[in-house]
Structure formats: structure tokens, C-alpha cells
């Protein structure tokens, strides 16, 4: 797997982890998602993108290349859930996912969760 493909795949897995947290409505859409919904015309999914998860609300970086991972998440929570509880549960889920999939990494993981709205 090429590094860009690995990075994209990890970002998608983190997005799936976030969407499985109780109280999360969806990840904050990016510009393409907003334009698509504003136009009102459905875009038929291609065969390869049918199972993809929108990842615009997840930013994954590794500032120094070998140190800890930085994950920034922007999500919209369900109205009946407390935003702070959703943010904390999301942070714990992402941290647990990264620790379980990269057990040999000793550098700390820094996860930031921002609840941008409620529906």
C-alpha cells in the first residue's frame, strides 16, 4: 500500500469508528458534501465509492513524521445527547482504536473533538 492510500484508509477507519459512537449524528461535511446537498441532485455512487464513509470531518496528521499522531474530528451530535458526553466518548473510541491497531507505537496520541452542531 502506498503511504497516501494507507493514510486515506486509516482516516476512513477513524471516520467509521466516530460514526459508531452513540450520540454522533454524522461527521461535519466538507465543501463537496455541502454543494451536493445544495444542488439537490443526487449523484449516483460509483462502484468503488459505494462503501466509502465521508471523511471530511476527520483530519489525521503526524507533525514530525515519527512522533505521535494528531487526530482532529468535527462532528454533529444528536440533540438528545449531551455534546460533552458525545465528544468524550468519541475521543475515547478513537484513542482505543489507534492503540489497538498500533500497539508498538509509544508516542502519545492527541485527539481533539469539536461538536459543531446538533440535529
PDB file of N, CA and C in Angstrom:
ATOM      1  N   UNK A   1       0.824  -1.171   0.000  1.00  0.00           N
ATOM      2  CA  UNK A   1       0.000   0.000   0.000  1.00  0.00           C
ATOM      3  C   UNK A   1       0.875   1.243   0.000  1.00  0.00           C
ATOM      4  N   UNK A   2       0.554   2.201  -0.826  1.00  0.00           N
ATOM      5  CA  UNK A   2       1.297   3.448  -0.860  1.00  0.00           C
ATOM      6  C   UNK A   2       0.942   4.274   0.382  1.00  0.00           C
ATOM      7  N   UNK A   3       1.841   5.161   0.831  1.00  0.00           N
ATOM      8  CA  UNK A   3       1.572   5.963   2.025  1.00  0.00           C
ATOM      9  C   UNK A   3       0.273   6.759   1.938  1.00  0.00           C
ATOM     10  N   UNK A   4      -0.047   7.356   0.781  1.00  0.00           N
ATOM     11  CA  UNK A   4      -1.289   8.117   0.647  1.00  0.00           C
ATOM     12  C   UNK A   4      -2.499   7.210   0.805  1.00  0.00           C
ATOM     13  N   UNK A   5      -2.422   6.017   0.249  1.00  0.00           N
ATOM     14  CA  UNK A   5      -3.516   5.058   0.370  1.00  0.00           C
ATOM     15  C   UNK A   5      -3.666   4.604   1.812  1.00  0.00           C
ATOM     16  N   UNK A   6      -2.569   4.369   2.495  1.00  0.00           N
ATOM     17  CA  UNK A   6      -2.613   3.957   3.898  1.00  0.00           C
ATOM     18  C   UNK A   6      -3.193   5.070   4.765  1.00  0.00           C
ATOM     19  N   UNK A   7      -2.795   6.299   4.496  1.00  0.00           N
ATOM     20  CA  UNK A   7      -3.304   7.452   5.243  1.00  0.00           C
ATOM     21  C   UNK A   7      -4.811   7.588   5.031  1.00  0.00           C
ATOM     22  N   UNK A   8      -5.248   7.480   3.773  1.00  0.00           N
ATOM     23  CA  UNK A   8      -6.669   7.580   3.469  1.00  0.00           C
ATOM     24  C   UNK A   8      -7.454   6.459   4.136  1.00  0.00           C
ATOM     25  N   UNK A   9      -6.925   5.228   4.087  1.00  0.00           N
ATOM     26  CA  UNK A   9      -7.611   4.087   4.695  1.00  0.00           C
ATOM     27  C   UNK A   9      -7.733   4.255   6.209  1.00  0.00           C
ATOM     28  N   UNK A  10      -6.687   4.757   6.859  1.00  0.00           N
ATOM     29  CA  UNK A  10      -6.735   4.992   8.301  1.00  0.00           C
ATOM     30  C   UNK A  10      -7.747   6.087   8.625  1.00  0.00           C
ATOM     31  N   UNK A  11      -7.779   7.133   7.824  1.00  0.00           N
ATOM     32  CA  UNK A  11      -8.755   8.210   8.027  1.00  0.00           C
ATOM     33  C   UNK A  11     -10.173   7.673   7.895  1.00  0.00           C
ATOM     34  N   UNK A  12     -10.403   6.815   6.920  1.00  0.00           N
ATOM     35  CA  UNK A  12     -11.732   6.220   6.735  1.00  0.00           C
ATOM     36  C   UNK A  12     -12.113   5.326   7.914  1.00  0.00           C
ATOM     37  N   UNK A  13     -11.168   4.552   8.432  1.00  0.00           N
ATOM     38  CA  UNK A  13     -11.446   3.693   9.589  1.00  0.00           C
ATOM     39  C   UNK A  13     -11.758   4.528  10.831  1.00  0.00           C
ATOM     40  N   UNK A  14     -11.056   5.625  11.008  1.00  0.00           N
ATOM     41  CA  UNK A  14     -11.349   6.515  12.131  1.00  0.00           C
ATOM     42  C   UNK A  14     -12.737   7.112  11.962  1.00  0.00           C
ATOM     43  N   UNK A  15     -13.098   7.486  10.734  1.00  0.00           N
ATOM     44  CA  UNK A  15     -14.438   8.018  10.474  1.00  0.00           C
ATOM     45  C   UNK A  15     -15.507   6.985  10.819  1.00  0.00           C
ATOM     46  N   UNK A  16     -15.280   5.730  10.473  1.00  0.00           N
ATOM     47  CA  UNK A  16     -16.235   4.660  10.829  1.00  0.00           C
ATOM     48  C   UNK A  16     -16.341   4.511  12.350  1.00  0.00           C
ATOM     49  N   UNK A  17     -15.208   4.596  13.029  1.00  0.00           N
ATOM     50  CA  UNK A  17     -15.190   4.500  14.486  1.00  0.00           C
ATOM     51  C   UNK A  17     -16.012   5.630  15.091  1.00  0.00           C
ATOM     52  N   UNK A  18     -15.835   6.844  14.580  1.00  0.00           N
ATOM     53  CA  UNK A  18     -16.567   8.005  15.091  1.00  0.00           C
ATOM     54  C   UNK A  18     -18.061   7.837  14.858  1.00  0.00           C
ATOM     55  N   UNK A  19     -18.446   7.409  13.668  1.00  0.00           N
ATOM     56  CA  UNK A  19     -19.868   7.279  13.356  1.00  0.00           C
ATOM     57  C   UNK A  19     -20.558   6.185  14.163  1.00  0.00           C
ATOM     58  N   UNK A  20     -19.788   5.268  14.743  1.00  0.00           N
ATOM     59  CA  UNK A  20     -20.383   4.202  15.550  1.00  0.00           C
ATOM     60  C   UNK A  20     -20.591   4.607  17.010  1.00  0.00           C
ATOM     61  N   UNK A  21     -20.116   5.785  17.394  1.00  0.00           N
ATOM     62  CA  UNK A  21     -20.255   6.258  18.773  1.00  0.00           C
ATOM     63  C   UNK A  21     -21.706   6.704  18.999  1.00  0.00           C
ATOM     64  N   UNK A  22     -22.345   6.247  20.079  1.00  0.00           N
ATOM     65  CA  UNK A  22     -23.706   6.690  20.365  1.00  0.00           C
ATOM     66  C   UNK A  22     -23.762   8.209  20.543  1.00  0.00           C
ATOM     67  N   UNK A  23     -24.753   8.823  19.921  1.00  0.00           N
ATOM     68  CA  UNK A  23     -24.923  10.260  20.020  1.00  0.00           C
ATOM     69  C   UNK A  23     -24.340  11.033  18.855  1.00  0.00           C
ATOM     70  N   UNK A  24     -23.541  10.381  18.007  1.00  0.00           N
ATOM     71  CA  UNK A  24     -22.982  11.045  16.830  1.00  0.00           C
ATOM     72  C   UNK A  24     -23.995  10.936  15.696  1.00  0.00           C
ATOM     73  N   UNK A  25     -24.401  12.087  15.152  1.00  0.00           N
ATOM     74  CA  UNK A  25     -25.314  12.081  14.013  1.00  0.00           C
ATOM     75  C   UNK A  25     -24.526  11.821  12.729  1.00  0.00           C
ATOM     76  N   UNK A  26     -23.482  12.622  12.514  1.00  0.00           N
ATOM     77  CA  UNK A  26     -22.631  12.453  11.344  1.00  0.00           C
ATOM     78  C   UNK A  26     -21.403  13.333  11.488  1.00  0.00           C
ATOM     79  N   UNK A  27     -20.413  13.065  10.656  1.00  0.00           N
ATOM     80  CA  UNK A  27     -19.221  13.908  10.606  1.00  0.00           C
ATOM     81  C   UNK A  27     -19.566  15.178   9.844  1.00  0.00           C
ATOM     82  N   UNK A  28     -18.931  16.272  10.220  1.00  0.00           N
ATOM     83  CA  UNK A  28     -19.185  17.539   9.548  1.00  0.00           C
ATOM     84  C   UNK A  28     -18.825  17.384   8.071  1.00  0.00           C
ATOM     85  N   UNK A  29     -19.761  17.718   7.190  1.00  0.00           N
ATOM     86  CA  UNK A  29     -19.462  17.554   5.762  1.00  0.00           C
ATOM     87  C   UNK A  29     -18.480  18.590   5.263  1.00  0.00           C
ATOM     88  N   UNK A  30     -17.740  18.214   4.257  1.00  0.00           N
ATOM     89  CA  UNK A  30     -16.813  19.146   3.622  1.00  0.00           C
ATOM     90  C   UNK A  30     -17.538  19.964   2.566  1.00  0.00           C
ATOM     91  N   UNK A  31     -16.796  20.719   1.830  1.00  0.00           N
ATOM     92  CA  UNK A  31     -17.378  21.595   0.814  1.00  0.00           C
ATOM     93  C   UNK A  31     -18.128  20.805  -0.258  1.00  0.00           C
ATOM     94  N   UNK A  32     -17.557  19.696  -0.709  1.00  0.00           N
ATOM     95  CA  UNK A  32     -18.209  18.901  -1.753  1.00  0.00           C
ATOM     96  C   UNK A  32     -19.560  18.368  -1.273  1.00  0.00           C
ATOM     97  N   UNK A  33     -19.616  17.921  -0.036  1.00  0.00           N
ATOM     98  CA  UNK A  33     -20.883  17.424   0.507  1.00  0.00           C
ATOM     99  C   UNK A  33     -21.917  18.517   0.639  1.00  0.00           C
ATOM    100  N   UNK A  34     -21.492  19.699   1.014  1.00  0.00           N
ATOM    101  CA  UNK A  34     -22.420  20.827   1.134  1.00  0.00           C
ATOM    102  C   UNK A  34     -22.950  21.252  -0.227  1.00  0.00           C
ATOM    103  N   UNK A  35     -22.076  21.315  -1.216  1.00  0.00           N
ATOM    104  CA  UNK A  35     -22.520  21.698  -2.549  1.00  0.00           C
ATOM    105  C   UNK A  35     -23.468  20.657  -3.130  1.00  0.00           C
ATOM    106  N   UNK A  36     -23.163  19.402  -2.914  1.00  0.00           N
ATOM    107  CA  UNK A  36     -24.013  18.335  -3.428  1.00  0.00           C
ATOM    108  C   UNK A  36     -25.408  18.436  -2.841  1.00  0.00           C
ATOM    109  N   UNK A  37     -25.517  18.711  -1.522  1.00  0.00           N
ATOM    110  CA  UNK A  37     -26.828  18.809  -0.904  1.00  0.00           C
ATOM    111  C   UNK A  37     -27.540  20.100  -1.319  1.00  0.00           C
ATOM    112  N   UNK A  38     -26.802  21.161  -1.610  1.00  0.00           N
ATOM    113  CA  UNK A  38     -27.416  22.419  -2.026  1.00  0.00           C
ATOM    114  C   UNK A  38     -27.991  22.324  -3.432  1.00  0.00           C
ATOM    115  N   UNK A  39     -27.357  21.540  -4.272  1.00  0.00           N
ATOM    116  CA  UNK A  39     -27.847  21.399  -5.637  1.00  0.00           C
ATOM    117  C   UNK A  39     -29.117  20.558  -5.706  1.00  0.00           C
ATOM    118  N   UNK A  40     -29.271  19.657  -4.765  1.00  0.00           N
ATOM    119  CA  UNK A  40     -30.479  18.845  -4.726  1.00  0.00           C
ATOM    120  C   UNK A  40     -30.529  17.725  -5.737  1.00  0.00           C
ATOM    121  N   UNK A  41     -29.458  17.539  -6.485  1.00  0.00           N
ATOM    122  CA  UNK A  41     -29.418  16.447  -7.453  1.00  0.00           C
ATOM    123  C   UNK A  41     -28.587  15.311  -6.897  1.00  0.00           C
ATOM    124  N   UNK A  42     -29.172  14.132  -6.780  1.00  0.00           N
ATOM    125  CA  UNK A  42     -28.370  13.015  -6.281  1.00  0.00           C
ATOM    126  C   UNK A  42     -27.309  12.612  -7.292  1.00  0.00           C
ATOM    127  N   UNK A  43     -26.138  12.358  -6.763  1.00  0.00           N
ATOM    128  CA  UNK A  43     -25.040  11.889  -7.594  1.00  0.00           C
ATOM    129  C   UNK A  43     -24.940  10.382  -7.406  1.00  0.00           C
ATOM    130  N   UNK A  44     -25.119   9.602  -8.481  1.00  0.00           N
ATOM    131  CA  UNK A  44     -25.066   8.155  -8.308  1.00  0.00           C
ATOM    132  C   UNK A  44     -23.680   7.718  -7.870  1.00  0.00           C
ATOM    133  N   UNK A  45     -23.589   6.876  -6.844  1.00  0.00           N
ATOM    134  CA  UNK A  45     -22.272   6.439  -6.379  1.00  0.00           C
ATOM    135  C   UNK A  45     -21.615   5.501  -7.375  1.00  0.00           C
ATOM    136  N   UNK A  46     -20.320   5.639  -7.518  1.00  0.00           N
ATOM    137  CA  UNK A  46     -19.587   4.712  -8.377  1.00  0.00           C
ATOM    138  C   UNK A  46     -19.383   3.406  -7.616  1.00  0.00           C
ATOM    139  N   UNK A  47     -19.000   2.394  -8.308  1.00  0.00           N
ATOM    140  CA  UNK A  47     -18.815   1.082  -7.691  1.00  0.00           C
ATOM    141  C   UNK A  47     -17.781   1.139  -6.579  1.00  0.00           C
ATOM    142  N   UNK A  48     -16.672   1.851  -6.793  1.00  0.00           N
ATOM    143  CA  UNK A  48     -15.617   1.880  -5.790  1.00  0.00           C
ATOM    144  C   UNK A  48     -15.943   2.766  -4.603  1.00  0.00           C
ATOM    145  N   UNK A  49     -16.826   3.743  -4.752  1.00  0.00           N
ATOM    146  CA  UNK A  49     -17.103   4.644  -3.635  1.00  0.00           C
ATOM    147  C   UNK A  49     -18.369   4.275  -2.881  1.00  0.00           C
ATOM    148  N   UNK A  50     -19.003   3.199  -3.236  1.00  0.00           N
ATOM    149  CA  UNK A  50     -20.276   2.817  -2.627  1.00  0.00           C
ATOM    150  C   UNK A  50     -20.147   2.561  -1.128  1.00  0.00           C
ATOM    151  N   UNK A  51     -19.061   1.944  -0.686  1.00  0.00           N
ATOM    152  CA  UNK A  51     -18.881   1.607   0.722  1.00  0.00           C
ATOM    153  C   UNK A  51     -18.043   2.634   1.473  1.00  0.00           C
ATOM    154  N   UNK A  52     -17.680   3.720   0.845  1.00  0.00           N
ATOM    155  CA  UNK A  52     -16.835   4.713   1.493  1.00  0.00           C
ATOM    156  C   UNK A  52     -17.628   5.548   2.484  1.00  0.00           C
ATOM    157  N   UNK A  53     -16.932   5.968   3.493  1.00  0.00           N
ATOM    158  CA  UNK A  53     -17.501   6.819   4.533  1.00  0.00           C
ATOM    159  C   UNK A  53     -16.984   8.233   4.291  1.00  0.00           C
ATOM    160  N   UNK A  54     -17.857   9.248   4.378  1.00  0.00           N
ATOM    161  CA  UNK A  54     -17.355  10.617   4.225  1.00  0.00           C
ATOM    162  C   UNK A  54     -16.337  10.922   5.326  1.00  0.00           C
ATOM    163  N   UNK A  55     -15.189  11.413   4.939  1.00  0.00           N
ATOM    164  CA  UNK A  55     -14.104  11.646   5.895  1.00  0.00           C
ATOM    165  C   UNK A  55     -13.753  13.115   6.062  1.00  0.00           C
ATOM    166  N   UNK A  56     -14.582  14.018   5.564  1.00  0.00           N
ATOM    167  CA  UNK A  56     -14.253  15.448   5.630  1.00  0.00           C
ATOM    168  C   UNK A  56     -14.117  15.935   7.067  1.00  0.00           C
ATOM    169  N   UNK A  57     -14.800  15.317   8.016  1.00  0.00           N
ATOM    170  CA  UNK A  57     -14.739  15.743   9.403  1.00  0.00           C
ATOM    171  C   UNK A  57     -13.576  15.170  10.187  1.00  0.00           C
ATOM    172  N   UNK A  58     -12.694  14.430   9.534  1.00  0.00           N
ATOM    173  CA  UNK A  58     -11.535  13.822  10.208  1.00  0.00           C
ATOM    174  C   UNK A  58     -10.253  14.318   9.548  1.00  0.00           C
ATOM    175  N   UNK A  59      -9.374  14.873  10.354  1.00  0.00           N
ATOM    176  CA  UNK A  59      -8.047  15.281   9.875  1.00  0.00           C
ATOM    177  C   UNK A  59      -7.017  14.511  10.683  1.00  0.00           C
ATOM    178  N   UNK A  60      -6.150  13.834   9.994  1.00  0.00           N
ATOM    179  CA  UNK A  60      -5.135  12.998  10.618  1.00  0.00           C
ATOM    180  C   UNK A  60      -3.769  13.517  10.206  1.00  0.00           C
ATOM    181  N   UNK A  61      -2.904  13.730  11.203  1.00  0.00           N
ATOM    182  CA  UNK A  61      -1.562  14.207  10.871  1.00  0.00           C
ATOM    183  C   UNK A  61      -0.555  13.603  11.834  1.00  0.00           C
ATOM    184  N   UNK A  62       0.664  13.717  11.417  1.00  0.00           N
ATOM    185  CA  UNK A  62       1.807  13.277  12.212  1.00  0.00           C
ATOM    186  C   UNK A  62       2.877  14.335  12.017  1.00  0.00           C
ATOM    187  N   UNK A  63       2.846  15.396  12.827  1.00  0.00           N
ATOM    188  CA  UNK A  63       3.659  16.590  12.569  1.00  0.00           C
ATOM    189  C   UNK A  63       5.143  16.346  12.329  1.00  0.00           C
ATOM    190  N   UNK A  64       5.750  15.488  13.117  1.00  0.00           N
ATOM    191  CA  UNK A  64       7.191  15.295  12.945  1.00  0.00           C
ATOM    192  C   UNK A  64       7.534  14.019  12.190  1.00  0.00           C
ATOM    193  N   UNK A  65       6.557  13.345  11.650  1.00  0.00           N
ATOM    194  CA  UNK A  65       6.808  12.163  10.836  1.00  0.00           C
ATOM    195  C   UNK A  65       6.967  10.880  11.612  1.00  0.00           C
ATOM    196  N   UNK A  66       7.523  10.923  12.810  1.00  0.00           N
ATOM    197  CA  UNK A  66       7.746   9.705  13.576  1.00  0.00           C
ATOM    198  C   UNK A  66       7.124   9.774  14.967  1.00  0.00           C
ATOM    199  N   UNK A  67       6.651  10.938  15.365  1.00  0.00           N
ATOM    200  CA  UNK A  67       6.088  11.111  16.702  1.00  0.00           C
ATOM    201  C   UNK A  67       4.642  10.679  16.783  1.00  0.00           C
ATOM    202  N   UNK A  68       3.946  11.243  17.743  1.00  0.00           N
ATOM    203  CA  UNK A  68       2.560  10.879  17.968  1.00  0.00           C
ATOM    204  C   UNK A  68       1.629  11.364  16.875  1.00  0.00           C
ATOM    205  N   UNK A  69       0.516  10.705  16.789  1.00  0.00           N
ATOM    206  CA  UNK A  69      -0.500  11.069  15.811  1.00  0.00           C
ATOM    207  C   UNK A  69      -1.393  12.155  16.386  1.00  0.00           C
ATOM    208  N   UNK A  70      -1.844  13.040  15.524  1.00  0.00           N
ATOM    209  CA  UNK A  70      -2.800  14.074  15.896  1.00  0.00           C
ATOM    210  C   UNK A  70      -4.059  13.833  15.071  1.00  0.00           C
ATOM    211  N   UNK A  71      -5.179  13.715  15.746  1.00  0.00           N
ATOM    212  CA  UNK A  71      -6.446  13.491  15.074  1.00  0.00           C
ATOM    213  C   UNK A  71      -7.383  14.626  15.467  1.00  0.00           C
ATOM    214  N   UNK A  72      -7.948  15.266  14.470  1.00  0.00           N
ATOM    215  CA  UNK A  72      -8.895  16.357  14.694  1.00  0.00           C
ATOM    216  C   UNK A  72     -10.230  15.917  14.103  1.00  0.00           C
ATOM    217  N   UNK A  73     -11.275  15.943  14.924  1.00  0.00           N
ATOM    218  CA  UNK A  73     -12.591  15.463  14.500  1.00  0.00           C
ATOM    219  C   UNK A  73     -13.615  16.577  14.678  1.00  0.00           C
ATOM    220  N   UNK A  74     -14.413  16.784  13.637  1.00  0.00           N
ATOM    221  CA  UNK A  74     -15.528  17.730  13.683  1.00  0.00           C
ATOM    222  C   UNK A  74     -16.783  16.928  13.385  1.00  0.00           C
ATOM    223  N   UNK A  75     -17.734  16.962  14.316  1.00  0.00           N
ATOM    224  CA  UNK A  75     -18.937  16.154  14.157  1.00  0.00           C
ATOM    225  C   UNK A  75     -20.176  16.926  14.562  1.00  0.00           C
ATOM    226  N   UNK A  76     -21.323  16.377  14.172  1.00  0.00           N
ATOM    227  CA  UNK A  76     -22.622  16.895  14.576  1.00  0.00           C
ATOM    228  C   UNK A  76     -23.253  15.822  15.454  1.00  0.00           C
ATOM    229  N   UNK A  77     -23.741  16.241  16.616  1.00  0.00           N
ATOM    230  CA  UNK A  77     -24.309  15.303  17.588  1.00  0.00           C
ATOM    231  C   UNK A  77     -25.834  15.295  17.503  1.00  0.00           C
ATOM    232  N   UNK A  78     -26.405  14.245  18.022  1.00  0.00           N
ATOM    233  CA  UNK A  78     -27.854  14.167  18.125  1.00  0.00           C
ATOM    234  C   UNK A  78     -28.312  15.083  19.253  1.00  0.00           C
ATOM    235  N   UNK A  79     -29.442  15.713  19.072  1.00  0.00           N
ATOM    236  CA  UNK A  79     -29.935  16.699  20.031  1.00  0.00           C
ATOM    237  C   UNK A  79     -30.196  16.092  21.405  1.00  0.00           C
ATOM    238  N   UNK A  80     -30.647  14.840  21.462  1.00  0.00           N
ATOM    239  CA  UNK A  80     -30.976  14.240  22.754  1.00  0.00           C
ATOM    240  C   UNK A  80     -29.746  13.836  23.562  1.00  0.00           C
ATOM    241  N   UNK A  81     -28.567  13.905  22.968  1.00  0.00           N
ATOM    242  CA  UNK A  81     -27.333  13.553  23.677  1.00  0.00           C
ATOM    243  C   UNK A  81     -26.609  14.833  24.096  1.00  0.00           C
ATOM    244  N   UNK A  82     -25.967  14.785  25.255  1.00  0.00           N
ATOM    245  CA  UNK A  82     -25.155  15.928  25.686  1.00  0.00           C
ATOM    246  C   UNK A  82     -23.891  15.975  24.840  1.00  0.00           C
ATOM    247  N   UNK A  83     -23.603  17.140  24.306  1.00  0.00           N
ATOM    248  CA  UNK A  83     -22.450  17.307  23.412  1.00  0.00           C
ATOM    249  C   UNK A  83     -21.148  16.906  24.096  1.00  0.00           C
ATOM    250  N   UNK A  84     -20.991  17.270  25.356  1.00  0.00           N
ATOM    251  CA  UNK A  84     -19.745  16.945  26.063  1.00  0.00           C
ATOM    252  C   UNK A  84     -19.577  15.433  26.215  1.00  0.00           C
ATOM    253  N   UNK A  85     -20.669  14.712  26.460  1.00  0.00           N
ATOM    254  CA  UNK A  85     -20.580  13.252  26.577  1.00  0.00           C
ATOM    255  C   UNK A  85     -20.232  12.610  25.237  1.00  0.00           C
ATOM    256  N   UNK A  86     -20.812  13.128  24.162  1.00  0.00           N
ATOM    257  CA  UNK A  86     -20.511  12.606  22.825  1.00  0.00           C
ATOM    258  C   UNK A  86     -19.041  12.870  22.478  1.00  0.00           C
ATOM    259  N   UNK A  87     -18.560  14.064  22.790  1.00  0.00           N
ATOM    260  CA  UNK A  87     -17.165  14.406  22.494  1.00  0.00           C
ATOM    261  C   UNK A  87     -16.205  13.506  23.274  1.00  0.00           C
ATOM    262  N   UNK A  88     -16.485  13.296  24.545  1.00  0.00           N
ATOM    263  CA  UNK A  88     -15.613  12.440  25.363  1.00  0.00           C
ATOM    264  C   UNK A  88     -15.629  10.995  24.879  1.00  0.00           C
ATOM    265  N   UNK A  89     -16.819  10.481  24.574  1.00  0.00           N
ATOM    266  CA  UNK A  89     -16.927   9.099  24.090  1.00  0.00           C
ATOM    267  C   UNK A  89     -16.216   8.934  22.749  1.00  0.00           C
ATOM    268  N   UNK A  90     -16.326   9.938  21.899  1.00  0.00           N
ATOM    269  CA  UNK A  90     -15.647   9.892  20.605  1.00  0.00           C
ATOM    270  C   UNK A  90     -14.142   9.882  20.784  1.00  0.00           C
ATOM    271  N   UNK A  91     -13.640  10.744  21.651  1.00  0.00           N
ATOM    272  CA  UNK A  91     -12.197  10.790  21.900  1.00  0.00           C
ATOM    273  C   UNK A  91     -11.692   9.447  22.428  1.00  0.00           C
ATOM    274  N   UNK A  92     -12.416   8.873  23.402  1.00  0.00           N
ATOM    275  CA  UNK A  92     -12.006   7.572  23.946  1.00  0.00           C
ATOM    276  C   UNK A  92     -12.032   6.477  22.878  1.00  0.00           C
ATOM    277  N   UNK A  93     -13.059   6.472  22.028  1.00  0.00           N
ATOM    278  CA  UNK A  93     -13.166   5.449  20.985  1.00  0.00           C
ATOM    279  C   UNK A  93     -12.026   5.546  19.982  1.00  0.00           C
ATOM    280  N   UNK A  94     -11.695   6.758  19.568  1.00  0.00           N
ATOM    281  CA  UNK A  94     -10.607   6.938  18.595  1.00  0.00           C
ATOM    282  C   UNK A  94      -9.263   6.575  19.221  1.00  0.00           C
ATOM    283  N   UNK A  95      -9.047   6.994  20.464  1.00  0.00           N
ATOM    284  CA  UNK A  95      -7.803   6.624  21.148  1.00  0.00           C
ATOM    285  C   UNK A  95      -7.678   5.111  21.276  1.00  0.00           C
ATOM    286  N   UNK A  96      -8.765   4.449  21.672  1.00  0.00           N
ATOM    287  CA  UNK A  96      -8.746   2.992  21.812  1.00  0.00           C
ATOM    288  C   UNK A  96      -8.482   2.319  20.466  1.00  0.00           C
ATOM    289  N   UNK A  97      -9.089   2.830  19.398  1.00  0.00           N
ATOM    290  CA  UNK A  97      -8.867   2.270  18.064  1.00  0.00           C
ATOM    291  C   UNK A  97      -7.397   2.363  17.684  1.00  0.00           C
ATOM    292  N   UNK A  98      -6.803   3.536  17.869  1.00  0.00           N
ATOM    293  CA  UNK A  98      -5.404   3.724  17.476  1.00  0.00           C
ATOM    294  C   UNK A  98      -4.456   2.886  18.323  1.00  0.00           C
ATOM    295  N   UNK A  99      -4.710   2.795  19.615  1.00  0.00           N
ATOM    296  CA  UNK A  99      -3.857   1.979  20.482  1.00  0.00           C
ATOM    297  C   UNK A  99      -3.960   0.502  20.101  1.00  0.00           C
ATOM    298  N   UNK A 100      -5.177   0.038  19.776  1.00  0.00           N
ATOM    299  CA  UNK A 100      -5.342  -1.383  19.423  1.00  0.00           C
ATOM    300  C   UNK A 100      -4.738  -1.723  18.060  1.00  0.00           C
ATOM    301  N   UNK A 101      -4.710  -0.777  17.140  1.00  0.00           N
ATOM    302  CA  UNK A 101      -4.175  -1.050  15.807  1.00  0.00           C
ATOM    303  C   UNK A 101      -2.697  -0.708  15.647  1.00  0.00           C
ATOM    304  N   UNK A 102      -2.155   0.060  16.585  1.00  0.00           N
ATOM    305  CA  UNK A 102      -0.737   0.418  16.542  1.00  0.00           C
ATOM    306  C   UNK A 102      -0.130   0.224  17.929  1.00  0.00           C
ATOM    307  N   UNK A 103      -0.107  -1.021  18.437  1.00  0.00           N
ATOM    308  CA  UNK A 103       0.372  -1.253  19.806  1.00  0.00           C
ATOM    309  C   UNK A 103       1.856  -0.966  20.006  1.00  0.00           C
ATOM    310  N   UNK A 104       2.641  -1.015  18.952  1.00  0.00           N
ATOM    311  CA  UNK A 104       4.083  -0.804  19.093  1.00  0.00           C
ATOM    312  C   UNK A 104       4.456   0.676  19.191  1.00  0.00           C
ATOM    313  N   UNK A 105       3.546   1.558  18.861  1.00  0.00           N
ATOM    314  CA  UNK A 105       3.845   2.993  18.916  1.00  0.00           C
ATOM    315  C   UNK A 105       3.826   3.467  20.369  1.00  0.00           C
ATOM    316  N   UNK A 106       4.904   4.112  20.767  1.00  0.00           N
ATOM    317  CA  UNK A 106       4.995   4.590  22.138  1.00  0.00           C
ATOM    318  C   UNK A 106       4.679   6.080  22.254  1.00  0.00           C
ATOM    319  N   UNK A 107       4.688   6.788  21.130  1.00  0.00           N
ATOM    320  CA  UNK A 107       4.393   8.223  21.153  1.00  0.00           C
ATOM    321  C   UNK A 107       2.917   8.436  21.481  1.00  0.00           C
ATOM    322  N   UNK A 108       2.602   9.494  22.195  1.00  0.00           N
ATOM    323  CA  UNK A 108       1.210   9.738  22.574  1.00  0.00           C
ATOM    324  C   UNK A 108       0.335  10.119  21.383  1.00  0.00           C
ATOM    325  N   UNK A 109      -0.935   9.792  21.517  1.00  0.00           N
ATOM    326  CA  UNK A 109      -1.942  10.144  20.520  1.00  0.00           C
ATOM    327  C   UNK A 109      -2.704  11.353  21.057  1.00  0.00           C
ATOM    328  N   UNK A 110      -2.870  12.355  20.228  1.00  0.00           N
ATOM    329  CA  UNK A 110      -3.606  13.554  20.638  1.00  0.00           C
ATOM    330  C   UNK A 110      -4.870  13.638  19.787  1.00  0.00           C
ATOM    331  N   UNK A 111      -6.030  13.515  20.423  1.00  0.00           N
ATOM    332  CA  UNK A 111      -7.319  13.557  19.724  1.00  0.00           C
ATOM    333  C   UNK A 111      -8.100  14.777  20.191  1.00  0.00           C
ATOM    334  N   UNK A 112      -8.539  15.589  19.235  1.00  0.00           N
ATOM    335  CA  UNK A 112      -9.356  16.757  19.515  1.00  0.00           C
ATOM    336  C   UNK A 112     -10.713  16.551  18.856  1.00  0.00           C
ATOM    337  N   UNK A 113     -11.784  16.693  19.633  1.00  0.00           N
ATOM    338  CA  UNK A 113     -13.136  16.529  19.098  1.00  0.00           C
ATOM    339  C   UNK A 113     -13.885  17.836  19.268  1.00  0.00           C
ATOM    340  N   UNK A 114     -14.468  18.315  18.169  1.00  0.00           N
ATOM    341  CA  UNK A 114     -15.274  19.534  18.199  1.00  0.00           C
ATOM    342  C   UNK A 114     -16.675  19.185  17.730  1.00  0.00           C
ATOM    343  N   UNK A 115     -17.665  19.479  18.561  1.00  0.00           N
ATOM    344  CA  UNK A 115     -19.065  19.288  18.184  1.00  0.00           C
ATOM    345  C   UNK A 115     -19.506  20.595  17.544  1.00  0.00           C
ATOM    346  N   UNK A 116     -19.784  20.556  16.249  1.00  0.00           N
ATOM    347  CA  UNK A 116     -20.105  21.776  15.516  1.00  0.00           C
ATOM    348  C   UNK A 116     -21.588  22.078  15.455  1.00  0.00           C
ATOM    349  N   UNK A 117     -22.417  21.155  15.892  1.00  0.00           N
ATOM    350  CA  UNK A 117     -23.861  21.387  15.861  1.00  0.00           C
ATOM    351  C   UNK A 117     -24.604  20.192  16.412  1.00  0.00           C
ATOM    352  N   UNK A 118     -25.917  20.353  16.484  1.00  0.00           N
ATOM    353  CA  UNK A 118     -26.795  19.275  16.932  1.00  0.00           C
ATOM    354  C   UNK A 118     -28.008  19.210  16.014  1.00  0.00           C
ATOM    355  N   UNK A 119     -28.492  17.999  15.786  1.00  0.00           N
ATOM    356  CA  UNK A 119     -29.704  17.798  14.993  1.00  0.00           C
ATOM    357  C   UNK A 119     -30.660  16.908  15.728  1.00  0.00           C
TER     358      UNK A 119
END
